[in-house]
């Protein structure tokens, strides 16, 4: 199965990432979410950009879950 990049509407993006439109626009304003491309009068997000954002969120969550584990493993038992 091959993956085809496509342009996503706001409805598509909300469905894919699971956050509201207001949160998407707030994150765009603070630079933590990709901005859409203007196609005529429409704002559309390239699907690879959304996929990258999802992967970065998952990576940061996984990194946060692993933080401190190395230092705990090095502690000597009492």
Protein backbone atom coordinates (compact mmCIF):
# COMPACT_ATOMS: atom_id res chain seq x y z
CA UNK A 1 0.00 0.00 0.00
CA UNK A 2 1.48 3.33 -1.01
CA UNK A 3 0.89 6.57 0.84
CA UNK A 4 -0.32 9.56 -1.12
CA UNK A 5 0.20 13.06 0.20
CA UNK A 6 -2.92 15.19 0.03
CA UNK A 7 -4.20 18.54 1.18
CA UNK A 8 -6.36 18.45 4.29
CA UNK A 9 -9.21 20.73 5.29
CA UNK A 10 -9.53 21.98 8.86
CA UNK A 11 -12.18 19.30 9.44
CA UNK A 12 -9.72 16.62 8.23
CA UNK A 13 -6.93 18.00 10.43
CA UNK A 14 -9.16 18.16 13.53
CA UNK A 15 -10.21 14.57 12.94
CA UNK A 16 -6.62 13.40 12.41
CA UNK A 17 -5.04 15.13 15.41
CA UNK A 18 -7.97 15.08 17.82
CA UNK A 19 -7.88 18.73 18.89
CA UNK A 20 -10.32 21.57 18.26
CA UNK A 21 -10.01 24.20 15.57
CA UNK A 22 -9.49 26.88 18.23
CA UNK A 23 -6.57 24.90 19.69
CA UNK A 24 -5.08 24.37 16.23
CA UNK A 25 -5.19 28.12 15.53
CA UNK A 26 -3.76 28.92 18.98
CA UNK A 27 -0.90 26.48 18.39
CA UNK A 28 -0.29 27.98 14.93
CA UNK A 29 -0.09 31.44 16.51
CA UNK A 30 2.54 30.30 19.01
CA UNK A 31 4.48 28.39 16.35
CA UNK A 32 3.82 24.87 17.61
CA UNK A 33 1.56 23.68 14.78
CA UNK A 34 2.09 23.81 10.99
CA UNK A 35 0.42 26.64 9.13
CA UNK A 36 -1.79 25.83 6.15
CA UNK A 37 -1.07 26.58 2.52
CA UNK A 38 -3.44 28.99 0.82
CA UNK A 39 -5.04 27.43 -2.24
CA UNK A 40 -7.24 30.08 -3.72
CA UNK A 41 -9.42 31.24 -0.83
CA UNK A 42 -9.02 27.96 1.07
CA UNK A 43 -6.54 27.07 3.80
CA UNK A 44 -5.29 23.50 3.36
CA UNK A 45 -2.66 21.56 5.28
CA UNK A 46 -0.27 19.18 3.48
CA UNK A 47 -0.80 15.75 5.05
CA UNK A 48 2.96 15.08 5.48
CA UNK A 49 3.27 18.22 7.66
CA UNK A 50 0.44 16.99 9.89
CA UNK A 51 1.98 13.51 10.06
CA UNK A 52 5.33 15.08 11.08
CA UNK A 53 3.60 17.09 13.82
CA UNK A 54 1.87 13.97 15.16
CA UNK A 55 5.20 12.09 15.15
CA UNK A 56 6.92 14.95 17.01
CA UNK A 57 4.21 14.96 19.68
CA UNK A 58 4.53 11.21 20.12
CA UNK A 59 8.35 11.45 20.24
CA UNK A 60 8.24 14.17 22.90
CA UNK A 61 5.79 12.12 24.99
CA UNK A 62 7.98 9.04 24.75
CA UNK A 63 11.05 11.06 25.68
CA UNK A 64 9.20 12.50 28.69
CA UNK A 65 8.20 9.04 29.86
CA UNK A 66 11.83 7.89 29.75
CA UNK A 67 13.28 10.91 31.53
CA UNK A 68 14.88 10.07 34.84
CA UNK A 69 14.97 6.33 34.26
CA UNK A 70 18.74 6.27 33.73
CA UNK A 71 19.40 8.27 36.88
CA UNK A 72 17.08 6.04 38.90
CA UNK A 73 18.85 2.94 37.63
CA UNK A 74 22.22 4.35 38.79
CA UNK A 75 21.04 5.05 42.34
CA UNK A 76 22.37 2.69 44.96
CA UNK A 77 19.79 0.83 47.01
CA UNK A 78 19.52 1.87 50.65
